[in-house]
Amino acid sequence: MNNTTLKTLLCTFLMVMSCSGCVAVWGKSYNVAMSNSRSVVIEYDRMVANMPAMLQAAQAECDKYKKDAVLDNVSGGNIGIRVNTYRCETRKADKVIDVQG
């Protein structure tokens, strides 16, 4: 093996280990780092994230306050971890349209 191949293998190995480390620590592909009545902050690894489950988790946190989760910001965290911040916005009732009247 040449030097470039070894470097590529080492980088790949380290990336896989760092990704699996997050899942091992969090127990899933994302972590609800902070939550209150105004916002939800979720850390996740893009390589292994289960996006539908993560979005459901954000909504579940906002549901506690009868609000809807709206993506506000996406930023980078430490060691390649991404951070999504969701606003918890007041639900707007659906308007009922009377089509018979």
PDB file of N, CA and C in Angstrom:
ATOM      1  N   MET A   1       0.848  -1.183   0.000  1.00  0.00           N
ATOM      2  CA  MET A   1       0.000   0.000   0.000  1.00  0.00           C
ATOM      3  C   MET A   1       0.887   1.238   0.000  1.00  0.00           C
ATOM      4  N   ASN A   2       0.445   2.205  -0.768  1.00  0.00           N
ATOM      5  CA  ASN A   2       1.218   3.444  -0.774  1.00  0.00           C
ATOM      6  C   ASN A   2       0.712   4.379   0.321  1.00  0.00           C
ATOM      7  N   ASN A   3       1.403   5.481   0.504  1.00  0.00           N
ATOM      8  CA  ASN A   3       1.115   6.428   1.587  1.00  0.00           C
ATOM      9  C   ASN A   3      -0.272   7.055   1.445  1.00  0.00           C
ATOM     10  N   THR A   4      -0.697   7.366   0.226  1.00  0.00           N
ATOM     11  CA  THR A   4      -2.008   7.976  -0.004  1.00  0.00           C
ATOM     12  C   THR A   4      -3.134   7.021   0.377  1.00  0.00           C
ATOM     13  N   THR A   5      -2.977   5.749   0.035  1.00  0.00           N
ATOM     14  CA  THR A   5      -3.984   4.745   0.367  1.00  0.00           C
ATOM     15  C   THR A   5      -4.112   4.589   1.877  1.00  0.00           C
ATOM     16  N   LEU A   6      -2.987   4.574   2.577  1.00  0.00           N
ATOM     17  CA  LEU A   6      -3.025   4.465   4.034  1.00  0.00           C
ATOM     18  C   LEU A   6      -3.716   5.667   4.666  1.00  0.00           C
ATOM     19  N   LYS A   7      -3.435   6.851   4.156  1.00  0.00           N
ATOM     20  CA  LYS A   7      -4.082   8.054   4.680  1.00  0.00           C
ATOM     21  C   LYS A   7      -5.586   7.999   4.449  1.00  0.00           C
ATOM     22  N   THR A   8      -6.001   7.554   3.268  1.00  0.00           N
ATOM     23  CA  THR A   8      -7.423   7.449   2.942  1.00  0.00           C
ATOM     24  C   THR A   8      -8.104   6.446   3.872  1.00  0.00           C
ATOM     25  N   LEU A   9      -7.483   5.300   4.081  1.00  0.00           N
ATOM     26  CA  LEU A   9      -8.049   4.290   4.977  1.00  0.00           C
ATOM     27  C   LEU A   9      -8.134   4.803   6.411  1.00  0.00           C
ATOM     28  N   LEU A  10      -7.105   5.491   6.861  1.00  0.00           N
ATOM     29  CA  LEU A  10      -7.108   6.030   8.212  1.00  0.00           C
ATOM     30  C   LEU A  10      -8.211   7.075   8.384  1.00  0.00           C
ATOM     31  N   CYS A  11      -8.358   7.971   7.402  1.00  0.00           N
ATOM     32  CA  CYS A  11      -9.421   8.993   7.466  1.00  0.00           C
ATOM     33  C   CYS A  11     -10.800   8.346   7.489  1.00  0.00           C
ATOM     34  N   THR A  12     -11.000   7.354   6.643  1.00  0.00           N
ATOM     35  CA  THR A  12     -12.286   6.662   6.593  1.00  0.00           C
ATOM     36  C   THR A  12     -12.580   5.978   7.927  1.00  0.00           C
ATOM     37  N   PHE A  13     -11.588   5.316   8.465  1.00  0.00           N
ATOM     38  CA  PHE A  13     -11.745   4.644   9.756  1.00  0.00           C
ATOM     39  C   PHE A  13     -12.097   5.642  10.855  1.00  0.00           C
ATOM     40  N   LEU A  14     -11.402   6.754  10.912  1.00  0.00           N
ATOM     41  CA  LEU A  14     -11.669   7.763  11.941  1.00  0.00           C
ATOM     42  C   LEU A  14     -13.054   8.372  11.794  1.00  0.00           C
ATOM     43  N   MET A  15     -13.495   8.590  10.552  1.00  0.00           N
ATOM     44  CA  MET A  15     -14.840   9.137  10.337  1.00  0.00           C
ATOM     45  C   MET A  15     -15.902   8.165  10.817  1.00  0.00           C
ATOM     46  N   VAL A  16     -15.724   6.896  10.487  1.00  0.00           N
ATOM     47  CA  VAL A  16     -16.698   5.879  10.912  1.00  0.00           C
ATOM     48  C   VAL A  16     -16.722   5.774  12.425  1.00  0.00           C
ATOM     49  N   MET A  17     -15.572   5.805  13.046  1.00  0.00           N
ATOM     50  CA  MET A  17     -15.510   5.706  14.504  1.00  0.00           C
ATOM     51  C   MET A  17     -16.134   6.929  15.176  1.00  0.00           C
ATOM     52  N   SER A  18     -15.909   8.111  14.612  1.00  0.00           N
ATOM     53  CA  SER A  18     -16.489   9.308  15.231  1.00  0.00           C
ATOM     54  C   SER A  18     -18.002   9.307  15.080  1.00  0.00           C
ATOM     55  N   CYS A  19     -18.508   8.835  13.949  1.00  0.00           N
ATOM     56  CA  CYS A  19     -19.961   8.762  13.757  1.00  0.00           C
ATOM     57  C   CYS A  19     -20.583   7.754  14.707  1.00  0.00           C
ATOM     58  N   SER A  20     -19.980   6.613  14.807  1.00  0.00           N
ATOM     59  CA  SER A  20     -20.546   5.586  15.682  1.00  0.00           C
ATOM     60  C   SER A  20     -20.425   6.001  17.139  1.00  0.00           C
ATOM     61  N   GLY A  21     -19.452   6.830  17.457  1.00  0.00           N
ATOM     62  CA  GLY A  21     -19.302   7.319  18.822  1.00  0.00           C
ATOM     63  C   GLY A  21     -20.487   8.144  19.257  1.00  0.00           C
ATOM     64  N   CYS A  22     -20.998   8.993  18.380  1.00  0.00           N
ATOM     65  CA  CYS A  22     -22.151   9.834  18.715  1.00  0.00           C
ATOM     66  C   CYS A  22     -23.376   8.973  18.984  1.00  0.00           C
ATOM     67  N   VAL A  23     -23.590   7.993  18.132  1.00  0.00           N
ATOM     68  CA  VAL A  23     -24.740   7.111  18.302  1.00  0.00           C
ATOM     69  C   VAL A  23     -24.602   6.339  19.612  1.00  0.00           C
ATOM     70  N   ALA A  24     -23.383   5.905  19.919  1.00  0.00           N
ATOM     71  CA  ALA A  24     -23.164   5.148  21.152  1.00  0.00           C
ATOM     72  C   ALA A  24     -23.435   6.009  22.385  1.00  0.00           C
ATOM     73  N   VAL A  25     -23.028   7.258  22.349  1.00  0.00           N
ATOM     74  CA  VAL A  25     -23.235   8.150  23.492  1.00  0.00           C
ATOM     75  C   VAL A  25     -24.692   8.561  23.609  1.00  0.00           C
ATOM     76  N   TRP A  26     -25.302   8.944  22.492  1.00  0.00           N
ATOM     77  CA  TRP A  26     -26.679   9.437  22.509  1.00  0.00           C
ATOM     78  C   TRP A  26     -27.697   8.310  22.559  1.00  0.00           C
ATOM     79  N   GLY A  27     -27.356   7.145  22.048  1.00  0.00           N
ATOM     80  CA  GLY A  27     -28.307   6.046  21.971  1.00  0.00           C
ATOM     81  C   GLY A  27     -29.172   6.097  20.722  1.00  0.00           C
ATOM     82  N   LYS A  28     -29.022   7.147  19.939  1.00  0.00           N
ATOM     83  CA  LYS A  28     -29.731   7.300  18.664  1.00  0.00           C
ATOM     84  C   LYS A  28     -28.912   8.270  17.809  1.00  0.00           C
ATOM     85  N   SER A  29     -29.394   8.602  16.632  1.00  0.00           N
ATOM     86  CA  SER A  29     -28.603   9.421  15.699  1.00  0.00           C
ATOM     87  C   SER A  29     -28.706  10.917  15.958  1.00  0.00           C
ATOM     88  N   TYR A  30     -29.431  11.314  17.009  1.00  0.00           N
ATOM     89  CA  TYR A  30     -29.559  12.729  17.344  1.00  0.00           C
ATOM     90  C   TYR A  30     -29.688  12.880  18.855  1.00  0.00           C
ATOM     91  N   ASN A  31     -29.539  14.100  19.323  1.00  0.00           N
ATOM     92  CA  ASN A  31     -29.645  14.391  20.748  1.00  0.00           C
ATOM     93  C   ASN A  31     -30.402  15.699  20.931  1.00  0.00           C
ATOM     94  N   VAL A  32     -31.463  15.668  21.724  1.00  0.00           N
ATOM     95  CA  VAL A  32     -32.171  16.902  22.069  1.00  0.00           C
ATOM     96  C   VAL A  32     -31.335  17.562  23.161  1.00  0.00           C
ATOM     97  N   ALA A  33     -30.563  18.580  22.757  1.00  0.00           N
ATOM     98  CA  ALA A  33     -29.618  19.218  23.668  1.00  0.00           C
ATOM     99  C   ALA A  33     -30.299  20.201  24.606  1.00  0.00           C
ATOM    100  N   MET A  34     -31.384  20.843  24.124  1.00  0.00           N
ATOM    101  CA  MET A  34     -32.074  21.852  24.921  1.00  0.00           C
ATOM    102  C   MET A  34     -33.488  21.993  24.403  1.00  0.00           C
ATOM    103  N   SER A  35     -34.406  22.225  25.323  1.00  0.00           N
ATOM    104  CA  SER A  35     -35.797  22.387  24.928  1.00  0.00           C
ATOM    105  C   SER A  35     -36.511  23.249  25.952  1.00  0.00           C
ATOM    106  N   ASN A  36     -37.304  24.205  25.462  1.00  0.00           N
ATOM    107  CA  ASN A  36     -38.172  24.988  26.338  1.00  0.00           C
ATOM    108  C   ASN A  36     -39.375  25.429  25.514  1.00  0.00           C
ATOM    109  N   SER A  37     -40.180  26.326  26.042  1.00  0.00           N
ATOM    110  CA  SER A  37     -41.417  26.719  25.356  1.00  0.00           C
ATOM    111  C   SER A  37     -41.159  27.558  24.109  1.00  0.00           C
ATOM    112  N   ARG A  38     -39.938  28.063  23.940  1.00  0.00           N
ATOM    113  CA  ARG A  38     -39.627  28.910  22.778  1.00  0.00           C
ATOM    114  C   ARG A  38     -38.823  28.213  21.699  1.00  0.00           C
ATOM    115  N   SER A  39     -37.999  27.221  22.076  1.00  0.00           N
ATOM    116  CA  SER A  39     -37.142  26.599  21.070  1.00  0.00           C
ATOM    117  C   SER A  39     -36.687  25.202  21.480  1.00  0.00           C
ATOM    118  N   VAL A  40     -36.189  24.490  20.463  1.00  0.00           N
ATOM    119  CA  VAL A  40     -35.625  23.154  20.640  1.00  0.00           C
ATOM    120  C   VAL A  40     -34.311  23.125  19.880  1.00  0.00           C
ATOM    121  N   VAL A  41     -33.259  22.634  20.524  1.00  0.00           N
ATOM    122  CA  VAL A  41     -31.951  22.503  19.889  1.00  0.00           C
ATOM    123  C   VAL A  41     -31.625  21.021  19.804  1.00  0.00           C
ATOM    124  N   ILE A  42     -31.355  20.561  18.571  1.00  0.00           N
ATOM    125  CA  ILE A  42     -31.048  19.149  18.352  1.00  0.00           C
ATOM    126  C   ILE A  42     -29.685  19.035  17.683  1.00  0.00           C
ATOM    127  N   GLU A  43     -28.807  18.223  18.270  1.00  0.00           N
ATOM    128  CA  GLU A  43     -27.505  17.908  17.696  1.00  0.00           C
ATOM    129  C   GLU A  43     -27.643  16.591  16.940  1.00  0.00           C
ATOM    130  N   TYR A  44     -26.979  16.491  15.797  1.00  0.00           N
ATOM    131  CA  TYR A  44     -27.073  15.243  15.038  1.00  0.00           C
ATOM    132  C   TYR A  44     -25.867  15.078  14.127  1.00  0.00           C
ATOM    133  N   ASP A  45     -25.651  13.853  13.720  1.00  0.00           N
ATOM    134  CA  ASP A  45     -24.596  13.519  12.778  1.00  0.00           C
ATOM    135  C   ASP A  45     -25.261  13.238  11.437  1.00  0.00           C
ATOM    136  N   ARG A  46     -24.942  14.032  10.428  1.00  0.00           N
ATOM    137  CA  ARG A  46     -25.586  13.892   9.112  1.00  0.00           C
ATOM    138  C   ARG A  46     -25.397  12.516   8.496  1.00  0.00           C
ATOM    139  N   MET A  47     -24.286  11.875   8.829  1.00  0.00           N
ATOM    140  CA  MET A  47     -23.979  10.578   8.214  1.00  0.00           C
ATOM    141  C   MET A  47     -24.946   9.483   8.654  1.00  0.00           C
ATOM    142  N   VAL A  48     -25.495   9.606   9.853  1.00  0.00           N
ATOM    143  CA  VAL A  48     -26.339   8.527  10.376  1.00  0.00           C
ATOM    144  C   VAL A  48     -27.700   9.016  10.866  1.00  0.00           C
ATOM    145  N   ALA A  49     -27.983  10.283  10.681  1.00  0.00           N
ATOM    146  CA  ALA A  49     -29.220  10.857  11.238  1.00  0.00           C
ATOM    147  C   ALA A  49     -30.469  10.252  10.605  1.00  0.00           C
ATOM    148  N   ASN A  50     -31.431   9.993  11.449  1.00  0.00           N
ATOM    149  CA  ASN A  50     -32.759   9.572  11.021  1.00  0.00           C
ATOM    150  C   ASN A  50     -33.612  10.845  11.050  1.00  0.00           C
ATOM    151  N   MET A  51     -33.651  11.543   9.922  1.00  0.00           N
ATOM    152  CA  MET A  51     -34.298  12.855   9.869  1.00  0.00           C
ATOM    153  C   MET A  51     -35.774  12.833  10.272  1.00  0.00           C
ATOM    154  N   PRO A  52     -36.574  11.879   9.787  1.00  0.00           N
ATOM    155  CA  PRO A  52     -37.985  11.868  10.218  1.00  0.00           C
ATOM    156  C   PRO A  52     -38.127  11.736  11.741  1.00  0.00           C
ATOM    157  N   ALA A  53     -37.324  10.881  12.354  1.00  0.00           N
ATOM    158  CA  ALA A  53     -37.393  10.716  13.807  1.00  0.00           C
ATOM    159  C   ALA A  53     -36.943  11.989  14.517  1.00  0.00           C
ATOM    160  N   MET A  54     -35.940  12.644  13.971  1.00  0.00           N
ATOM    161  CA  MET A  54     -35.441  13.882  14.571  1.00  0.00           C
ATOM    162  C   MET A  54     -36.498  14.992  14.495  1.00  0.00           C
ATOM    163  N   LEU A  55     -37.160  15.093  13.360  1.00  0.00           N
ATOM    164  CA  LEU A  55     -38.215  16.099  13.208  1.00  0.00           C
ATOM    165  C   LEU A  55     -39.394  15.803  14.133  1.00  0.00           C
ATOM    166  N   GLN A  56     -39.713  14.538  14.283  1.00  0.00           N
ATOM    167  CA  GLN A  56     -40.785  14.154  15.211  1.00  0.00           C
ATOM    168  C   GLN A  56     -40.413  14.502  16.641  1.00  0.00           C
ATOM    169  N   ALA A  57     -39.132  14.351  16.980  1.00  0.00           N
ATOM    170  CA  ALA A  57     -38.677  14.697  18.329  1.00  0.00           C
ATOM    171  C   ALA A  57     -38.807  16.196  18.575  1.00  0.00           C
ATOM    172  N   ALA A  58     -38.442  17.009  17.580  1.00  0.00           N
ATOM    173  CA  ALA A  58     -38.586  18.464  17.717  1.00  0.00           C
ATOM    174  C   ALA A  58     -40.055  18.833  17.900  1.00  0.00           C
ATOM    175  N   GLN A  59     -40.923  18.212  17.095  1.00  0.00           N
ATOM    176  CA  GLN A  59     -42.352  18.506  17.212  1.00  0.00           C
ATOM    177  C   GLN A  59     -42.905  18.039  18.557  1.00  0.00           C
ATOM    178  N   ALA A  60     -42.445  16.892  19.030  1.00  0.00           N
ATOM    179  CA  ALA A  60     -42.918  16.380  20.326  1.00  0.00           C
ATOM    180  C   ALA A  60     -42.554  17.336  21.456  1.00  0.00           C
ATOM    181  N   GLU A  61     -41.369  17.934  21.371  1.00  0.00           N
ATOM    182  CA  GLU A  61     -40.972  18.901  22.399  1.00  0.00           C
ATOM    183  C   GLU A  61     -41.869  20.139  22.353  1.00  0.00           C
ATOM    184  N   CYS A  62     -42.147  20.653  21.152  1.00  0.00           N
ATOM    185  CA  CYS A  62     -43.021  21.828  21.020  1.00  0.00           C
ATOM    186  C   CYS A  62     -44.467  21.485  21.374  1.00  0.00           C
ATOM    187  N   ASP A  63     -44.883  20.239  21.112  1.00  0.00           N
ATOM    188  CA  ASP A  63     -46.240  19.794  21.458  1.00  0.00           C
ATOM    189  C   ASP A  63     -46.531  19.948  22.944  1.00  0.00           C
ATOM    190  N   LYS A  64     -45.503  19.857  23.775  1.00  0.00           N
ATOM    191  CA  LYS A  64     -45.682  20.012  25.223  1.00  0.00           C
ATOM    192  C   LYS A  64     -46.291  21.371  25.563  1.00  0.00           C
ATOM    193  N   TYR A  65     -46.087  22.329  24.667  1.00  0.00           N
ATOM    194  CA  TYR A  65     -46.577  23.699  24.883  1.00  0.00           C
ATOM    195  C   TYR A  65     -47.673  24.067  23.881  1.00  0.00           C
ATOM    196  N   LYS A  66     -48.211  23.038  23.210  1.00  0.00           N
ATOM    197  CA  LYS A  66     -49.248  23.224  22.186  1.00  0.00           C
ATOM    198  C   LYS A  66     -48.775  24.183  21.087  1.00  0.00           C
ATOM    199  N   LYS A  67     -47.524  23.955  20.639  1.00  0.00           N
ATOM    200  CA  LYS A  67     -46.917  24.777  19.593  1.00  0.00           C
ATOM    201  C   LYS A  67     -46.379  23.882  18.489  1.00  0.00           C
ATOM    202  N   ASP A  68     -46.029  24.504  17.366  1.00  0.00           N
ATOM    203  CA  ASP A  68     -45.458  23.786  16.229  1.00  0.00           C
ATOM    204  C   ASP A  68     -43.979  24.101  16.083  1.00  0.00           C
ATOM    205  N   ALA A  69     -43.189  23.090  15.738  1.00  0.00           N
ATOM    206  CA  ALA A  69     -41.753  23.256  15.529  1.00  0.00           C
ATOM    207  C   ALA A  69     -41.502  23.783  14.120  1.00  0.00           C
ATOM    208  N   VAL A  70     -40.720  24.862  14.034  1.00  0.00           N
ATOM    209  CA  VAL A  70     -40.356  25.461  12.751  1.00  0.00           C
ATOM    210  C   VAL A  70     -38.839  25.613  12.733  1.00  0.00           C
ATOM    211  N   LEU A  71     -38.187  25.046  11.712  1.00  0.00           N
ATOM    212  CA  LEU A  71     -36.730  25.139  11.618  1.00  0.00           C
ATOM    213  C   LEU A  71     -36.308  26.596  11.530  1.00  0.00           C
ATOM    214  N   ASP A  72     -35.414  27.000  12.409  1.00  0.00           N
ATOM    215  CA  ASP A  72     -34.952  28.385  12.473  1.00  0.00           C
ATOM    216  C   ASP A  72     -33.519  28.538  12.004  1.00  0.00           C
ATOM    217  N   ASN A  73     -32.649  27.576  12.379  1.00  0.00           N
ATOM    218  CA  ASN A  73     -31.231  27.731  12.071  1.00  0.00           C
ATOM    219  C   ASN A  73     -30.553  26.368  11.998  1.00  0.00           C
ATOM    220  N   VAL A  74     -29.582  26.249  11.099  1.00  0.00           N
ATOM    221  CA  VAL A  74     -28.742  25.059  10.998  1.00  0.00           C
ATOM    222  C   VAL A  74     -27.306  25.541  11.094  1.00  0.00           C
ATOM    223  N   SER A  75     -26.545  24.950  12.004  1.00  0.00           N
ATOM    224  CA  SER A  75     -25.152  25.368  12.158  1.00  0.00           C
ATOM    225  C   SER A  75     -24.278  24.154  12.421  1.00  0.00           C
ATOM    226  N   GLY A  76     -22.972  24.375  12.358  1.00  0.00           N
ATOM    227  CA  GLY A  76     -22.018  23.309  12.625  1.00  0.00           C
ATOM    228  C   GLY A  76     -21.631  23.306  14.087  1.00  0.00           C
ATOM    229  N   GLY A  77     -21.466  22.132  14.634  1.00  0.00           N
ATOM    230  CA  GLY A  77     -21.018  22.000  16.012  1.00  0.00           C
ATOM    231  C   GLY A  77     -19.613  21.413  16.035  1.00  0.00           C
ATOM    232  N   ASN A  78     -19.252  20.790  17.114  1.00  0.00           N
ATOM    233  CA  ASN A  78     -17.938  20.179  17.256  1.00  0.00           C
ATOM    234  C   ASN A  78     -17.832  18.880  16.469  1.00  0.00           C
ATOM    235  N   ILE A  79     -16.664  18.566  16.018  1.00  0.00           N
ATOM    236  CA  ILE A  79     -16.287  17.332  15.312  1.00  0.00           C
ATOM    237  C   ILE A  79     -17.309  16.902  14.258  1.00  0.00           C
ATOM    238  N   GLY A  80     -17.793  17.834  13.485  1.00  0.00           N
ATOM    239  CA  GLY A  80     -18.693  17.508  12.380  1.00  0.00           C
ATOM    240  C   GLY A  80     -20.144  17.328  12.757  1.00  0.00           C
ATOM    241  N   ILE A  81     -20.476  17.538  14.002  1.00  0.00           N
ATOM    242  CA  ILE A  81     -21.864  17.420  14.435  1.00  0.00           C
ATOM    243  C   ILE A  81     -22.622  18.665  13.982  1.00  0.00           C
ATOM    244  N   ARG A  82     -23.812  18.477  13.470  1.00  0.00           N
ATOM    245  CA  ARG A  82     -24.667  19.590  13.049  1.00  0.00           C
ATOM    246  C   ARG A  82     -25.642  19.922  14.166  1.00  0.00           C
ATOM    247  N   VAL A  83     -26.105  21.160  14.168  1.00  0.00           N
ATOM    248  CA  VAL A  83     -27.036  21.615  15.200  1.00  0.00           C
ATOM    249  C   VAL A  83     -28.207  22.310  14.518  1.00  0.00           C
ATOM    250  N   ASN A  84     -29.407  21.800  14.742  1.00  0.00           N
ATOM    251  CA  ASN A  84     -30.627  22.438  14.248  1.00  0.00           C
ATOM    252  C   ASN A  84     -31.336  23.111  15.410  1.00  0.00           C
ATOM    253  N   THR A  85     -31.760  24.339  15.183  1.00  0.00           N
ATOM    254  CA  THR A  85     -32.556  25.055  16.178  1.00  0.00           C
ATOM    255  C   THR A  85     -33.945  25.257  15.596  1.00  0.00           C
ATOM    256  N   TYR A  86     -34.943  24.841  16.336  1.00  0.00           N
ATOM    257  CA  TYR A  86     -36.340  24.971  15.922  1.00  0.00           C
ATOM    258  C   TYR A  86     -37.026  25.986  16.832  1.00  0.00           C
ATOM    259  N   ARG A  87     -37.824  26.867  16.257  1.00  0.00           N
ATOM    260  CA  ARG A  87     -38.680  27.757  17.036  1.00  0.00           C
ATOM    261  C   ARG A  87     -39.969  27.006  17.347  1.00  0.00           C
ATOM    262  N   CYS A  88     -40.478  27.202  18.536  1.00  0.00           N
ATOM    263  CA  CYS A  88     -41.799  26.667  18.880  1.00  0.00           C
ATOM    264  C   CYS A  88     -42.787  27.810  18.702  1.00  0.00           C
ATOM    265  N   GLU A  89     -43.571  27.739  17.628  1.00  0.00           N
ATOM    266  CA  GLU A  89     -44.512  28.811  17.301  1.00  0.00           C
ATOM    267  C   GLU A  89     -45.937  28.428  17.691  1.00  0.00           C
ATOM    268  N   THR A  90     -46.679  29.429  18.112  1.00  0.00           N
ATOM    269  CA  THR A  90     -48.077  29.225  18.488  1.00  0.00           C
ATOM    270  C   THR A  90     -48.850  28.655  17.316  1.00  0.00           C
ATOM    271  N   ARG A  91     -49.617  27.631  17.597  1.00  0.00           N
ATOM    272  CA  ARG A  91     -50.436  27.011  16.548  1.00  0.00           C
ATOM    273  C   ARG A  91     -51.525  27.956  16.113  1.00  0.00           C
ATOM    274  N   LYS A  92     -51.737  27.974  14.833  1.00  0.00           N
ATOM    275  CA  LYS A  92     -52.842  28.746  14.284  1.00  0.00           C
ATOM    276  C   LYS A  92     -53.935  27.754  13.933  1.00  0.00           C
ATOM    277  N   ALA A  93     -55.105  27.971  14.456  1.00  0.00           N
ATOM    278  CA  ALA A  93     -56.225  27.057  14.199  1.00  0.00           C
ATOM    279  C   ALA A  93     -56.555  27.060  12.720  1.00  0.00           C
ATOM    280  N   ASP A  94     -56.883  25.907  12.204  1.00  0.00           N
ATOM    281  CA  ASP A  94     -57.321  25.816  10.810  1.00  0.00           C
ATOM    282  C   ASP A  94     -58.658  26.506  10.670  1.00  0.00           C
ATOM    283  N   LYS A  95     -58.783  27.261   9.608  1.00  0.00           N
ATOM    284  CA  LYS A  95     -60.063  27.935   9.348  1.00  0.00           C
ATOM    285  C   LYS A  95     -61.033  26.934   8.716  1.00  0.00           C
ATOM    286  N   VAL A  96     -62.238  26.961   9.212  1.00  0.00           N
ATOM    287  CA  VAL A  96     -63.282  26.101   8.646  1.00  0.00           C
ATOM    288  C   VAL A  96     -64.072  26.947   7.651  1.00  0.00           C
ATOM    289  N   ILE A  97     -64.141  26.461   6.442  1.00  0.00           N
ATOM    290  CA  ILE A  97     -64.852  27.193   5.396  1.00  0.00           C
ATOM    291  C   ILE A  97     -66.212  26.529   5.176  1.00  0.00           C
ATOM    292  N   ASP A  98     -67.266  27.307   5.309  1.00  0.00           N
ATOM    293  CA  ASP A  98     -68.612  26.797   5.108  1.00  0.00           C
ATOM    294  C   ASP A  98     -68.940  26.896   3.624  1.00  0.00           C
ATOM    295  N   VAL A  99     -68.943  25.758   2.954  1.00  0.00           N
ATOM    296  CA  VAL A  99     -69.208  25.754   1.507  1.00  0.00           C
ATOM    297  C   VAL A  99     -70.687  25.623   1.187  1.00  0.00           C
ATOM    298  N   GLN A 100     -71.513  25.469   2.205  1.00  0.00           N
ATOM    299  CA  GLN A 100     -72.937  25.321   1.960  1.00  0.00           C
ATOM    300  C   GLN A 100     -73.684  26.652   2.093  1.00  0.00           C
ATOM    301  N   GLY A 101     -73.054  27.636   2.683  1.00  0.00           N
ATOM    302  CA  GLY A 101     -73.793  28.839   2.990  1.00  0.00           C
ATOM    303  C   GLY A 101     -73.567  29.941   2.063  1.00  0.00           C
TER     304      GLY A 101
END
